[in-house]
PDB file of N, CA and C in Angstrom:
ATOM      1  N   MET A   1      49.635 -61.298 -28.120  1.00  0.00           N
ATOM      2  CA  MET A   1      50.942 -60.795 -28.396  1.00  0.00           C
ATOM      3  C   MET A   1      50.864 -59.563 -29.285  1.00  0.00           C
ATOM      4  N   ALA A   2      49.910 -59.475 -30.201  1.00  0.00           N
ATOM      5  CA  ALA A   2      49.784 -58.336 -31.090  1.00  0.00           C
ATOM      6  C   ALA A   2      49.419 -57.082 -30.302  1.00  0.00           C
ATOM      7  N   ALA A   3      48.606 -57.231 -29.292  1.00  0.00           N
ATOM      8  CA  ALA A   3      48.224 -56.086 -28.473  1.00  0.00           C
ATOM      9  C   ALA A   3      49.421 -55.530 -27.739  1.00  0.00           C
ATOM     10  N   CYS A   4      50.285 -56.374 -27.306  1.00  0.00           N
ATOM     11  CA  CYS A   4      51.473 -55.930 -26.598  1.00  0.00           C
ATOM     12  C   CYS A   4      52.409 -55.180 -27.531  1.00  0.00           C
ATOM     13  N   LEU A   5      52.531 -55.604 -28.784  1.00  0.00           N
ATOM     14  CA  LEU A   5      53.383 -54.913 -29.742  1.00  0.00           C
ATOM     15  C   LEU A   5      52.837 -53.523 -30.052  1.00  0.00           C
ATOM     16  N   PHE A   6      51.515 -53.419 -30.100  1.00  0.00           N
ATOM     17  CA  PHE A   6      50.895 -52.125 -30.365  1.00  0.00           C
ATOM     18  C   PHE A   6      51.215 -51.133 -29.248  1.00  0.00           C
ATOM     19  N   CYS A   7      51.189 -51.566 -28.006  1.00  0.00           N
ATOM     20  CA  CYS A   7      51.481 -50.696 -26.874  1.00  0.00           C
ATOM     21  C   CYS A   7      52.893 -50.168 -26.936  1.00  0.00           C
ATOM     22  N   VAL A   8      53.806 -50.958 -27.333  1.00  0.00           N
ATOM     23  CA  VAL A   8      55.192 -50.547 -27.412  1.00  0.00           C
ATOM     24  C   VAL A   8      55.405 -49.653 -28.621  1.00  0.00           C
ATOM     25  N   ALA A   9      54.606 -49.846 -29.671  1.00  0.00           N
ATOM     26  CA  ALA A   9      54.805 -49.124 -30.914  1.00  0.00           C
ATOM     27  C   ALA A   9      54.311 -47.674 -30.841  1.00  0.00           C
ATOM     28  N   VAL A  10      53.522 -47.290 -29.815  1.00  0.00           N
ATOM     29  CA  VAL A  10      53.007 -45.924 -29.705  1.00  0.00           C
ATOM     30  C   VAL A  10      54.159 -45.004 -29.299  1.00  0.00           C
ATOM     31  N   PRO A  11      54.422 -43.956 -30.083  1.00  0.00           N
ATOM     32  CA  PRO A  11      55.512 -43.052 -29.739  1.00  0.00           C
ATOM     33  C   PRO A  11      55.234 -42.297 -28.437  1.00  0.00           C
ATOM     34  N   ALA A  12      56.262 -41.891 -27.762  1.00  0.00           N
ATOM     35  CA  ALA A  12      56.143 -41.177 -26.494  1.00  0.00           C
ATOM     36  C   ALA A  12      55.474 -39.819 -26.683  1.00  0.00           C
ATOM     37  N   ALA A  13      55.660 -39.169 -27.806  1.00  0.00           N
ATOM     38  CA  ALA A  13      55.047 -37.860 -28.066  1.00  0.00           C
ATOM     39  C   ALA A  13      53.534 -37.966 -28.120  1.00  0.00           C
ATOM     40  N   ALA A  14      53.007 -39.056 -28.662  1.00  0.00           N
ATOM     41  CA  ALA A  14      51.557 -39.243 -28.744  1.00  0.00           C
ATOM     42  C   ALA A  14      50.972 -39.466 -27.360  1.00  0.00           C
ATOM     43  N   GLN A  15      51.688 -40.155 -26.496  1.00  0.00           N
ATOM     44  CA  GLN A  15      51.204 -40.376 -25.142  1.00  0.00           C
ATOM     45  C   GLN A  15      51.180 -39.065 -24.357  1.00  0.00           C
ATOM     46  N   ASN A  16      52.165 -38.209 -24.541  1.00  0.00           N
ATOM     47  CA  ASN A  16      52.233 -36.942 -23.821  1.00  0.00           C
ATOM     48  C   ASN A  16      51.202 -35.936 -24.329  1.00  0.00           C
ATOM     49  N   ALA A  17      50.749 -36.078 -25.568  1.00  0.00           N
ATOM     50  CA  ALA A  17      49.776 -35.136 -26.129  1.00  0.00           C
ATOM     51  C   ALA A  17      48.434 -35.254 -25.427  1.00  0.00           C
ATOM     52  N   ALA A  18      48.090 -36.432 -24.953  1.00  0.00           N
ATOM     53  CA  ALA A  18      46.814 -36.628 -24.284  1.00  0.00           C
ATOM     54  C   ALA A  18      46.822 -36.069 -22.870  1.00  0.00           C
ATOM     55  N   ALA A  19      47.955 -36.059 -22.229  1.00  0.00           N
ATOM     56  CA  ALA A  19      48.055 -35.560 -20.859  1.00  0.00           C
ATOM     57  C   ALA A  19      48.277 -34.052 -20.877  1.00  0.00           C
ATOM     58  N   PRO A  20      47.633 -33.293 -19.970  1.00  0.00           N
ATOM     59  CA  PRO A  20      47.843 -31.837 -19.952  1.00  0.00           C
ATOM     60  C   PRO A  20      49.271 -31.507 -19.528  1.00  0.00           C
ATOM     61  N   SER A  21      49.778 -30.523 -20.178  1.00  0.00           N
ATOM     62  CA  SER A  21      51.145 -30.100 -19.885  1.00  0.00           C
ATOM     63  C   SER A  21      51.124 -29.030 -18.810  1.00  0.00           C
ATOM     64  N   MET A  22      52.080 -29.068 -17.926  1.00  0.00           N
ATOM     65  CA  MET A  22      52.175 -28.075 -16.864  1.00  0.00           C
ATOM     66  C   MET A  22      52.553 -26.706 -17.430  1.00  0.00           C
ATOM     67  N   ASP A  23      53.152 -26.673 -18.616  1.00  0.00           N
ATOM     68  CA  ASP A  23      53.538 -25.411 -19.230  1.00  0.00           C
ATOM     69  C   ASP A  23      52.328 -24.651 -19.775  1.00  0.00           C
ATOM     70  N   ARG A  24      51.252 -25.351 -20.074  1.00  0.00           N
ATOM     71  CA  ARG A  24      50.090 -24.730 -20.696  1.00  0.00           C
ATOM     72  C   ARG A  24      49.086 -24.182 -19.681  1.00  0.00           C
ATOM     73  N   LEU A  25      49.220 -24.485 -18.429  1.00  0.00           N
ATOM     74  CA  LEU A  25      48.263 -24.024 -17.431  1.00  0.00           C
ATOM     75  C   LEU A  25      48.417 -22.522 -17.206  1.00  0.00           C
ATOM     76  N   GLU A  26      47.285 -21.845 -17.137  1.00  0.00           N
ATOM     77  CA  GLU A  26      47.297 -20.408 -16.899  1.00  0.00           C
ATOM     78  C   GLU A  26      47.280 -20.138 -15.404  1.00  0.00           C
ATOM     79  N   PRO A  27      47.922 -19.072 -14.971  1.00  0.00           N
ATOM     80  CA  PRO A  27      47.908 -18.762 -13.540  1.00  0.00           C
ATOM     81  C   PRO A  27      46.519 -18.303 -13.111  1.00  0.00           C
ATOM     82  N   ILE A  28      46.184 -18.577 -11.887  1.00  0.00           N
ATOM     83  CA  ILE A  28      44.903 -18.167 -11.313  1.00  0.00           C
ATOM     84  C   ILE A  28      45.119 -16.856 -10.562  1.00  0.00           C
ATOM     85  N   VAL A  29      44.291 -15.867 -10.890  1.00  0.00           N
ATOM     86  CA  VAL A  29      44.386 -14.568 -10.245  1.00  0.00           C
ATOM     87  C   VAL A  29      43.216 -14.423  -9.279  1.00  0.00           C
ATOM     88  N   VAL A  30      43.517 -14.162  -8.034  1.00  0.00           N
ATOM     89  CA  VAL A  30      42.492 -13.986  -7.015  1.00  0.00           C
ATOM     90  C   VAL A  30      42.466 -12.514  -6.618  1.00  0.00           C
ATOM     91  N   THR A  31      41.282 -11.911  -6.719  1.00  0.00           N
ATOM     92  CA  THR A  31      41.147 -10.517  -6.316  1.00  0.00           C
ATOM     93  C   THR A  31      40.191 -10.437  -5.133  1.00  0.00           C
ATOM     94  N   ALA A  32      40.462  -9.536  -4.257  1.00  0.00           N
ATOM     95  CA  ALA A  32      39.626  -9.351  -3.079  1.00  0.00           C
ATOM     96  C   ALA A  32      38.649  -8.212  -3.321  1.00  0.00           C
ATOM     97  N   ARG A  33      37.478  -8.318  -2.723  1.00  0.00           N
ATOM     98  CA  ARG A  33      36.501  -7.234  -2.807  1.00  0.00           C
ATOM     99  C   ARG A  33      36.924  -6.095  -1.900  1.00  0.00           C
ATOM    100  N   LYS A  34      36.579  -4.899  -2.351  1.00  0.00           N
ATOM    101  CA  LYS A  34      36.818  -3.743  -1.495  1.00  0.00           C
ATOM    102  C   LYS A  34      35.787  -3.745  -0.371  1.00  0.00           C
ATOM    103  N   ARG A  35      36.262  -3.495   0.803  1.00  0.00           N
ATOM    104  CA  ARG A  35      35.331  -3.386   1.923  1.00  0.00           C
ATOM    105  C   ARG A  35      34.608  -2.053   1.849  1.00  0.00           C
ATOM    106  N   PRO A  36      33.335  -2.042   2.230  1.00  0.00           N
ATOM    107  CA  PRO A  36      32.609  -0.773   2.203  1.00  0.00           C
ATOM    108  C   PRO A  36      33.240   0.233   3.162  1.00  0.00           C
ATOM    109  N   ASP A  37      33.226   1.458   2.732  1.00  0.00           N
ATOM    110  CA  ASP A  37      33.812   2.530   3.537  1.00  0.00           C
ATOM    111  C   ASP A  37      32.686   3.322   4.190  1.00  0.00           C
ATOM    112  N   PRO A  38      32.455   3.125   5.482  1.00  0.00           N
ATOM    113  CA  PRO A  38      31.354   3.841   6.146  1.00  0.00           C
ATOM    114  C   PRO A  38      31.552   5.350   6.137  1.00  0.00           C
ATOM    115  N   ALA A  39      32.802   5.810   6.175  1.00  0.00           N
ATOM    116  CA  ALA A  39      33.050   7.253   6.164  1.00  0.00           C
ATOM    117  C   ALA A  39      32.641   7.854   4.820  1.00  0.00           C
ATOM    118  N   ALA A  40      32.909   7.135   3.726  1.00  0.00           N
ATOM    119  CA  ALA A  40      32.516   7.625   2.406  1.00  0.00           C
ATOM    120  C   ALA A  40      30.996   7.639   2.273  1.00  0.00           C
ATOM    121  N   ASP A  41      30.344   6.600   2.795  1.00  0.00           N
ATOM    122  CA  ASP A  41      28.879   6.568   2.753  1.00  0.00           C
ATOM    123  C   ASP A  41      28.273   7.719   3.553  1.00  0.00           C
ATOM    124  N   GLU A  42      28.850   8.004   4.701  1.00  0.00           N
ATOM    125  CA  GLU A  42      28.341   9.103   5.539  1.00  0.00           C
ATOM    126  C   GLU A  42      28.524  10.452   4.841  1.00  0.00           C
ATOM    127  N   LYS A  43      29.666  10.631   4.212  1.00  0.00           N
ATOM    128  CA  LYS A  43      29.924  11.880   3.487  1.00  0.00           C
ATOM    129  C   LYS A  43      28.936  12.032   2.326  1.00  0.00           C
ATOM    130  N   THR A  44      28.704  10.956   1.599  1.00  0.00           N
ATOM    131  CA  THR A  44      27.762  10.998   0.477  1.00  0.00           C
ATOM    132  C   THR A  44      26.348  11.263   0.974  1.00  0.00           C
ATOM    133  N   ARG A  45      25.975  10.649   2.114  1.00  0.00           N
ATOM    134  CA  ARG A  45      24.637  10.886   2.677  1.00  0.00           C
ATOM    135  C   ARG A  45      24.432  12.353   3.012  1.00  0.00           C
ATOM    136  N   ARG A  46      25.442  12.974   3.630  1.00  0.00           N
ATOM    137  CA  ARG A  46      25.342  14.402   3.954  1.00  0.00           C
ATOM    138  C   ARG A  46      25.244  15.247   2.685  1.00  0.00           C
ATOM    139  N   GLN A  47      25.981  14.876   1.650  1.00  0.00           N
ATOM    140  CA  GLN A  47      25.926  15.630   0.392  1.00  0.00           C
ATOM    141  C   GLN A  47      24.547  15.515  -0.258  1.00  0.00           C
ATOM    142  N   VAL A  48      23.956  14.312  -0.228  1.00  0.00           N
ATOM    143  CA  VAL A  48      22.615  14.134  -0.809  1.00  0.00           C
ATOM    144  C   VAL A  48      21.592  14.939  -0.013  1.00  0.00           C
ATOM    145  N   GLU A  49      21.672  14.871   1.316  1.00  0.00           N
ATOM    146  CA  GLU A  49      20.745  15.645   2.143  1.00  0.00           C
ATOM    147  C   GLU A  49      20.878  17.138   1.872  1.00  0.00           C
ATOM    148  N   GLN A  50      22.109  17.626   1.759  1.00  0.00           N
ATOM    149  CA  GLN A  50      22.340  19.049   1.490  1.00  0.00           C
ATOM    150  C   GLN A  50      21.797  19.438   0.118  1.00  0.00           C
ATOM    151  N   ALA A  51      22.008  18.568  -0.867  1.00  0.00           N
ATOM    152  CA  ALA A  51      21.512  18.866  -2.217  1.00  0.00           C
ATOM    153  C   ALA A  51      19.986  18.902  -2.241  1.00  0.00           C
ATOM    154  N   LEU A  52      19.332  17.969  -1.537  1.00  0.00           N
ATOM    155  CA  LEU A  52      17.865  17.983  -1.478  1.00  0.00           C
ATOM    156  C   LEU A  52      17.364  19.236  -0.768  1.00  0.00           C
ATOM    157  N   HIS A  53      18.034  19.602   0.309  1.00  0.00           N
ATOM    158  CA  HIS A  53      17.633  20.783   1.081  1.00  0.00           C
ATOM    159  C   HIS A  53      17.873  22.079   0.300  1.00  0.00           C
ATOM    160  N   SER A  54      18.905  22.095  -0.533  1.00  0.00           N
ATOM    161  CA  SER A  54      19.246  23.308  -1.285  1.00  0.00           C
ATOM    162  C   SER A  54      18.314  23.564  -2.455  1.00  0.00           C
ATOM    163  N   ASP A  55      17.639  22.538  -2.943  1.00  0.00           N
ATOM    164  CA  ASP A  55      16.722  22.729  -4.073  1.00  0.00           C
ATOM    165  C   ASP A  55      15.500  23.490  -3.580  1.00  0.00           C
ATOM    166  N   ARG A  56      15.253  24.659  -4.150  1.00  0.00           N
ATOM    167  CA  ARG A  56      14.185  25.513  -3.625  1.00  0.00           C
ATOM    168  C   ARG A  56      12.789  25.032  -4.007  1.00  0.00           C
ATOM    169  N   PHE A  57      12.688  24.079  -4.938  1.00  0.00           N
ATOM    170  CA  PHE A  57      11.379  23.575  -5.337  1.00  0.00           C
ATOM    171  C   PHE A  57      11.039  22.227  -4.711  1.00  0.00           C
ATOM    172  N   PHE A  58      11.969  21.656  -3.937  1.00  0.00           N
ATOM    173  CA  PHE A  58      11.733  20.348  -3.318  1.00  0.00           C
ATOM    174  C   PHE A  58      11.618  20.498  -1.807  1.00  0.00           C
ATOM    175  N   TYR A  59      10.518  20.006  -1.254  1.00  0.00           N
ATOM    176  CA  TYR A  59      10.293  20.078   0.191  1.00  0.00           C
ATOM    177  C   TYR A  59      10.831  18.786   0.805  1.00  0.00           C
ATOM    178  N   ASP A  60      11.951  18.891   1.511  1.00  0.00           N
ATOM    179  CA  ASP A  60      12.646  17.704   2.014  1.00  0.00           C
ATOM    180  C   ASP A  60      12.397  17.422   3.490  1.00  0.00           C
ATOM    181  N   GLU A  61      11.464  18.118   4.102  1.00  0.00           N
ATOM    182  CA  GLU A  61      11.236  17.979   5.549  1.00  0.00           C
ATOM    183  C   GLU A  61      10.863  16.551   5.959  1.00  0.00           C
ATOM    184  N   HIS A  62      10.171  15.826   5.092  1.00  0.00           N
ATOM    185  CA  HIS A  62       9.690  14.480   5.432  1.00  0.00           C
ATOM    186  C   HIS A  62      10.429  13.390   4.657  1.00  0.00           C
ATOM    187  N   VAL A  63      11.666  13.659   4.275  1.00  0.00           N
ATOM    188  CA  VAL A  63      12.455  12.700   3.499  1.00  0.00           C
ATOM    189  C   VAL A  63      13.677  12.274   4.311  1.00  0.00           C
ATOM    190  N   THR A  64      13.888  10.964   4.382  1.00  0.00           N
ATOM    191  CA  THR A  64      15.044  10.396   5.076  1.00  0.00           C
ATOM    192  C   THR A  64      15.986   9.793   4.041  1.00  0.00           C
ATOM    193  N   VAL A  65      17.277  10.064   4.193  1.00  0.00           N
ATOM    194  CA  VAL A  65      18.284   9.544   3.274  1.00  0.00           C
ATOM    195  C   VAL A  65      19.140   8.532   4.023  1.00  0.00           C
ATOM    196  N   THR A  66      19.237   7.322   3.474  1.00  0.00           N
ATOM    197  CA  THR A  66      20.166   6.321   3.988  1.00  0.00           C
ATOM    198  C   THR A  66      21.010   5.843   2.821  1.00  0.00           C
ATOM    199  N   ILE A  67      22.218   5.372   3.127  1.00  0.00           N
ATOM    200  CA  ILE A  67      23.114   4.921   2.066  1.00  0.00           C
ATOM    201  C   ILE A  67      23.934   3.745   2.567  1.00  0.00           C
ATOM    202  N   LYS A  68      24.129   2.792   1.678  1.00  0.00           N
ATOM    203  CA  LYS A  68      24.974   1.640   1.977  1.00  0.00           C
ATOM    204  C   LYS A  68      25.678   1.231   0.694  1.00  0.00           C
ATOM    205  N   ASN A  69      27.001   1.245   0.728  1.00  0.00           N
ATOM    206  CA  ASN A  69      27.832   0.881  -0.422  1.00  0.00           C
ATOM    207  C   ASN A  69      27.502   1.713  -1.663  1.00  0.00           C
ATOM    208  N   GLY A  70      27.179   2.962  -1.480  1.00  0.00           N
ATOM    209  CA  GLY A  70      26.899   3.846  -2.608  1.00  0.00           C
ATOM    210  C   GLY A  70      25.478   3.795  -3.122  1.00  0.00           C
ATOM    211  N   VAL A  71      24.641   2.948  -2.538  1.00  0.00           N
ATOM    212  CA  VAL A  71      23.232   2.854  -2.944  1.00  0.00           C
ATOM    213  C   VAL A  71      22.407   3.711  -1.997  1.00  0.00           C
ATOM    214  N   VAL A  72      21.802   4.757  -2.531  1.00  0.00           N
ATOM    215  CA  VAL A  72      21.016   5.707  -1.741  1.00  0.00           C
ATOM    216  C   VAL A  72      19.566   5.238  -1.693  1.00  0.00           C
ATOM    217  N   THR A  73      18.999   5.246  -0.494  1.00  0.00           N
ATOM    218  CA  THR A  73      17.581   4.954  -0.326  1.00  0.00           C
ATOM    219  C   THR A  73      16.904   6.205   0.208  1.00  0.00           C
ATOM    220  N   LEU A  74      15.902   6.674  -0.527  1.00  0.00           N
ATOM    221  CA  LEU A  74      15.124   7.849  -0.137  1.00  0.00           C
ATOM    222  C   LEU A  74      13.767   7.361   0.349  1.00  0.00           C
ATOM    223  N   GLN A  75      13.407   7.722   1.579  1.00  0.00           N
ATOM    224  CA  GLN A  75      12.135   7.307   2.161  1.00  0.00           C
ATOM    225  C   GLN A  75      11.407   8.512   2.712  1.00  0.00           C
ATOM    226  N   GLY A  76      10.087   8.433   2.714  1.00  0.00           N
ATOM    227  CA  GLY A  76       9.315   9.512   3.312  1.00  0.00           C
ATOM    228  C   GLY A  76       8.062   9.824   2.544  1.00  0.00           C
ATOM    229  N   ILE A  77       7.611  11.050   2.726  1.00  0.00           N
ATOM    230  CA  ILE A  77       6.372  11.515   2.107  1.00  0.00           C
ATOM    231  C   ILE A  77       6.696  12.667   1.171  1.00  0.00           C
ATOM    232  N   VAL A  78       6.181  12.573  -0.050  1.00  0.00           N
ATOM    233  CA  VAL A  78       6.310  13.665  -1.023  1.00  0.00           C
ATOM    234  C   VAL A  78       4.913  13.973  -1.565  1.00  0.00           C
ATOM    235  N   PHE A  79       4.789  15.108  -2.231  1.00  0.00           N
ATOM    236  CA  PHE A  79       3.475  15.561  -2.677  1.00  0.00           C
ATOM    237  C   PHE A  79       2.960  14.862  -3.923  1.00  0.00           C
ATOM    238  N   ASP A  80       3.846  14.579  -4.887  1.00  0.00           N
ATOM    239  CA  ASP A  80       3.386  13.971  -6.137  1.00  0.00           C
ATOM    240  C   ASP A  80       4.540  13.234  -6.825  1.00  0.00           C
ATOM    241  N   ASP A  81       4.224  12.642  -7.969  1.00  0.00           N
ATOM    242  CA  ASP A  81       5.236  11.891  -8.726  1.00  0.00           C
ATOM    243  C   ASP A  81       6.372  12.785  -9.208  1.00  0.00           C
ATOM    244  N   TRP A  82       6.066  14.015  -9.456  1.00  0.00           N
ATOM    245  CA  TRP A  82       7.098  14.956  -9.892  1.00  0.00           C
ATOM    246  C   TRP A  82       8.172  15.118  -8.804  1.00  0.00           C
ATOM    247  N   ASP A  83       7.770  15.146  -7.545  1.00  0.00           N
ATOM    248  CA  ASP A  83       8.725  15.225  -6.440  1.00  0.00           C
ATOM    249  C   ASP A  83       9.601  13.976  -6.359  1.00  0.00           C
ATOM    250  N   VAL A  84       9.030  12.817  -6.666  1.00  0.00           N
ATOM    251  CA  VAL A  84       9.814  11.575  -6.674  1.00  0.00           C
ATOM    252  C   VAL A  84      10.913  11.672  -7.724  1.00  0.00           C
ATOM    253  N   ARG A  85      10.544  12.106  -8.920  1.00  0.00           N
ATOM    254  CA  ARG A  85      11.540  12.247  -9.998  1.00  0.00           C
ATOM    255  C   ARG A  85      12.593  13.301  -9.666  1.00  0.00           C
ATOM    256  N   THR A  86      12.163  14.389  -9.062  1.00  0.00           N
ATOM    257  CA  THR A  86      13.108  15.445  -8.689  1.00  0.00           C
ATOM    258  C   THR A  86      14.105  14.940  -7.652  1.00  0.00           C
ATOM    259  N   ALA A  87      13.625  14.232  -6.646  1.00  0.00           N
ATOM    260  CA  ALA A  87      14.508  13.693  -5.610  1.00  0.00           C
ATOM    261  C   ALA A  87      15.510  12.706  -6.200  1.00  0.00           C
ATOM    262  N   MET A  88      15.054  11.855  -7.100  1.00  0.00           N
ATOM    263  CA  MET A  88      15.960  10.892  -7.741  1.00  0.00           C
ATOM    264  C   MET A  88      17.016  11.612  -8.575  1.00  0.00           C
ATOM    265  N   ARG A  89      16.610  12.637  -9.311  1.00  0.00           N
ATOM    266  CA  ARG A  89      17.545  13.392 -10.149  1.00  0.00           C
ATOM    267  C   ARG A  89      18.609  14.064  -9.292  1.00  0.00           C
ATOM    268  N   ILE A  90      18.179  14.677  -8.193  1.00  0.00           N
ATOM    269  CA  ILE A  90      19.126  15.365  -7.307  1.00  0.00           C
ATOM    270  C   ILE A  90      20.111  14.367  -6.703  1.00  0.00           C
ATOM    271  N   ALA A  91      19.610  13.228  -6.230  1.00  0.00           N
ATOM    272  CA  ALA A  91      20.480  12.230  -5.595  1.00  0.00           C
ATOM    273  C   ALA A  91      21.461  11.626  -6.593  1.00  0.00           C
ATOM    274  N   ARG A  92      21.014  11.360  -7.817  1.00  0.00           N
ATOM    275  CA  ARG A  92      21.897  10.764  -8.835  1.00  0.00           C
ATOM    276  C   ARG A  92      23.064  11.676  -9.194  1.00  0.00           C
ATOM    277  N   LYS A  93      22.855  12.967  -9.134  1.00  0.00           N
ATOM    278  CA  LYS A  93      23.910  13.915  -9.515  1.00  0.00           C
ATOM    279  C   LYS A  93      25.008  14.019  -8.468  1.00  0.00           C
ATOM    280  N   THR A  94      24.802  13.471  -7.286  1.00  0.00           N
ATOM    281  CA  THR A  94      25.783  13.564  -6.210  1.00  0.00           C
ATOM    282  C   THR A  94      26.925  12.584  -6.464  1.00  0.00           C
ATOM    283  N   PRO A  95      28.180  13.037  -6.360  1.00  0.00           N
ATOM    284  CA  PRO A  95      29.319  12.130  -6.558  1.00  0.00           C
ATOM    285  C   PRO A  95      29.319  11.010  -5.518  1.00  0.00           C
ATOM    286  N   GLY A  96      29.632   9.804  -5.953  1.00  0.00           N
ATOM    287  CA  GLY A  96      29.688   8.653  -5.055  1.00  0.00           C
ATOM    288  C   GLY A  96      28.415   7.834  -5.021  1.00  0.00           C
ATOM    289  N   VAL A  97      27.356   8.317  -5.660  1.00  0.00           N
ATOM    290  CA  VAL A  97      26.087   7.593  -5.685  1.00  0.00           C
ATOM    291  C   VAL A  97      26.106   6.626  -6.869  1.00  0.00           C
ATOM    292  N   LYS A  98      25.911   5.338  -6.564  1.00  0.00           N
ATOM    293  CA  LYS A  98      25.884   4.317  -7.612  1.00  0.00           C
ATOM    294  C   LYS A  98      24.468   4.062  -8.112  1.00  0.00           C
ATOM    295  N   ARG A  99      23.513   4.114  -7.184  1.00  0.00           N
ATOM    296  CA  ARG A  99      22.127   3.810  -7.522  1.00  0.00           C
ATOM    297  C   ARG A  99      21.209   4.511  -6.533  1.00  0.00           C
ATOM    298  N   VAL A 100      19.986   4.809  -6.969  1.00  0.00           N
ATOM    299  CA  VAL A 100      19.001   5.456  -6.093  1.00  0.00           C
ATOM    300  C   VAL A 100      17.759   4.579  -6.029  1.00  0.00           C
ATOM    301  N   VAL A 101      17.340   4.278  -4.805  1.00  0.00           N
ATOM    302  CA  VAL A 101      16.126   3.501  -4.559  1.00  0.00           C
ATOM    303  C   VAL A 101      15.170   4.408  -3.799  1.00  0.00           C
ATOM    304  N   THR A 102      13.901   4.429  -4.221  1.00  0.00           N
ATOM    305  CA  THR A 102      12.929   5.280  -3.537  1.00  0.00           C
ATOM    306  C   THR A 102      11.869   4.427  -2.862  1.00  0.00           C
ATOM    307  N   ASP A 103      11.450   4.893  -1.713  1.00  0.00           N
ATOM    308  CA  ASP A 103      10.361   4.274  -0.968  1.00  0.00           C
ATOM    309  C   ASP A 103       9.514   5.419  -0.409  1.00  0.00           C
ATOM    310  N   PHE A 104       8.846   6.123  -1.330  1.00  0.00           N
ATOM    311  CA  PHE A 104       8.059   7.300  -0.970  1.00  0.00           C
ATOM    312  C   PHE A 104       6.583   6.953  -0.856  1.00  0.00           C
ATOM    313  N   TYR A 105       5.927   7.664   0.017  1.00  0.00           N
ATOM    314  CA  TYR A 105       4.464   7.649   0.078  1.00  0.00           C
ATOM    315  C   TYR A 105       3.981   8.909  -0.627  1.00  0.00           C
ATOM    316  N   VAL A 106       3.151   8.698  -1.640  1.00  0.00           N
ATOM    317  CA  VAL A 106       2.592   9.823  -2.386  1.00  0.00           C
ATOM    318  C   VAL A 106       1.081   9.798  -2.147  1.00  0.00           C
ATOM    319  N   PRO A 107       0.556  10.744  -1.344  1.00  0.00           N
ATOM    320  CA  PRO A 107      -0.895  10.723  -1.074  1.00  0.00           C
ATOM    321  C   PRO A 107      -1.686  11.032  -2.343  1.00  0.00           C
ATOM    322  N   ASP A 108      -2.826  10.375  -2.466  1.00  0.00           N
ATOM    323  CA  ASP A 108      -3.671  10.698  -3.628  1.00  0.00           C
ATOM    324  C   ASP A 108      -4.421  11.989  -3.367  1.00  0.00           C
ATOM    325  N   GLY A 109      -4.914  12.582  -4.396  1.00  0.00           N
ATOM    326  CA  GLY A 109      -5.518  13.909  -4.304  1.00  0.00           C
ATOM    327  C   GLY A 109      -6.933  13.932  -3.780  1.00  0.00           C
ATOM    328  N   THR A 110      -7.457  12.814  -3.298  1.00  0.00           N
ATOM    329  CA  THR A 110      -8.846  12.827  -2.856  1.00  0.00           C
ATOM    330  C   THR A 110      -8.987  13.192  -1.411  1.00  0.00           C
TER     331      THR A 110
END
């Protein structure tokens, strides 16, 4: 009988404090990812190729430029490490480039 009296003696405010209130819930915001824009990637690829070709100290004949979602990949053959750094610097300066990845073959001097 004492246990039953205790149950009745608990105020309603104390019972509601343990349960989550619907007023306190925060709204859930769902955002969608932007779809990649192939036209923007193509424009950026042409700009990177033009910038590499315009540099009078960089030989771009054996370099291929590909881009996906703003990430530029430079592939091909260059003469030395200095050419790798130059190509990366030129590509990074192009608007729309988020990152530059290189996959160059650099022949050794022997």
